[in-house]
Protein backbone atom coordinates (compact mmCIF):
# COMPACT_ATOMS: atom_id res chain seq x y z
CA MET A 1 1.71 26.99 16.41
CA TYR A 2 4.28 24.52 15.06
CA THR A 3 3.19 22.31 12.19
CA SER A 4 5.58 19.61 11.05
CA LEU A 5 6.57 19.18 7.42
CA LEU A 6 4.96 15.72 7.48
CA THR A 7 1.64 17.24 8.58
CA LEU A 8 1.84 19.91 5.86
CA ARG A 9 2.52 17.27 3.20
CA MET A 10 -0.37 15.15 4.43
CA GLN A 11 -2.73 18.15 4.37
CA THR A 12 -1.64 19.07 0.85
CA ALA A 13 -2.19 15.49 -0.33
CA MET A 14 -5.65 15.37 1.25
CA ARG A 15 -6.63 18.69 -0.37
CA THR A 16 -5.47 17.42 -3.76
CA PHE A 17 -7.35 14.16 -3.25
CA ALA A 18 -10.51 16.03 -2.25
CA VAL A 19 -10.63 18.27 -5.32
CA ASP A 20 -9.01 16.16 -8.06
CA GLU A 21 -10.51 12.74 -8.73
CA ARG A 22 -7.59 12.05 -11.08
CA SER A 23 -4.97 12.42 -8.30
CA VAL A 24 -5.11 8.63 -7.78
CA SER A 25 -6.52 5.77 -9.81
CA GLY A 26 -10.28 5.46 -9.98
CA TYR A 27 -10.11 2.21 -8.04
CA LEU A 28 -8.15 3.76 -5.17
CA TYR A 29 -10.25 6.94 -5.17
CA HIS A 30 -13.51 5.04 -4.69
CA ARG A 31 -12.01 2.43 -2.37
CA LEU A 32 -10.59 5.11 -0.04
CA LEU A 33 -13.99 6.82 0.06
CA GLY A 34 -15.61 3.54 1.10
CA HIS A 35 -17.58 2.97 -2.10
CA ASP A 36 -18.38 -0.56 -3.23
CA VAL A 37 -15.67 -1.51 -5.70
CA GLU A 38 -15.34 -4.86 -7.44
CA GLU A 39 -12.33 -6.75 -6.11
CA HIS A 40 -9.77 -7.80 -8.66
CA LYS A 41 -6.33 -9.34 -8.70
CA VAL A 42 -3.34 -7.63 -10.22
CA ARG A 43 -1.77 -9.85 -12.83
CA ALA A 44 1.91 -9.79 -11.99
CA ALA A 45 4.68 -12.24 -12.68
CA LEU A 46 5.80 -13.31 -9.23
CA PRO A 47 9.44 -14.14 -8.61
CA ARG A 48 10.35 -17.73 -7.81
CA LYS A 49 12.34 -16.72 -4.77
CA PHE A 50 11.68 -13.87 -2.37
CA SER A 51 15.03 -12.96 -0.88
CA VAL A 52 17.39 -10.04 -0.55
CA PRO A 53 21.16 -10.52 -0.37
CA GLY A 54 22.45 -9.91 3.14
CA LEU A 55 19.05 -10.35 4.83
CA PRO A 56 17.55 -13.46 6.45
CA GLU A 57 15.29 -15.67 4.35
CA LEU A 58 11.55 -15.04 4.65
CA ASN A 59 9.46 -17.65 6.43
CA HIS A 60 6.37 -19.28 4.85
CA SER A 61 3.97 -16.77 6.40
CA GLN A 62 6.01 -13.80 5.17
CA ILE A 63 6.24 -15.21 1.64
CA THR A 64 2.46 -15.74 1.58
CA ALA A 65 1.95 -12.12 2.71
CA VAL A 66 4.32 -10.75 0.03
CA LYS A 67 2.58 -12.75 -2.71
CA SER A 68 -0.82 -11.50 -1.53
CA VAL A 69 0.29 -7.85 -1.50
CA LEU A 70 1.77 -8.09 -5.00
CA GLN A 71 -1.57 -9.34 -6.38
CA LYS A 72 -3.81 -6.63 -4.89
CA PRO A 73 -4.21 -2.99 -5.94
CA LEU A 74 -4.33 -1.81 -2.31
CA SER A 75 -2.87 -3.41 0.82
CA LEU A 76 -2.28 -2.31 4.38
CA ILE A 77 0.72 -3.84 6.10
CA GLN A 78 1.06 -3.55 9.84
CA VAL A 79 4.06 -4.81 11.77
CA PRO A 80 4.88 -4.64 15.45
CA THR A 81 7.20 -1.76 16.29
CA SER A 82 9.85 -4.33 17.16
CA GLY A 83 9.70 -5.47 13.51
CA LEU A 84 10.92 -2.15 12.14
């Protein structure tokens, strides 16, 4: 049976996570397991402008999303496949 390298890496990471509580931060460990964890903001100095040379400027919604992600310890970002 063929098992891709990506699948093997994922399985190795999950085994490590399952047996070593120190493999990720305590916050992430308990959050990923679904435990109640007190929400907190990450204190980070945000840039004044969110842009990358050679790419289009971000719109207001995108800038709000970037700021939100930079202030949280864990975020899930989903984009439509056409946005990749």
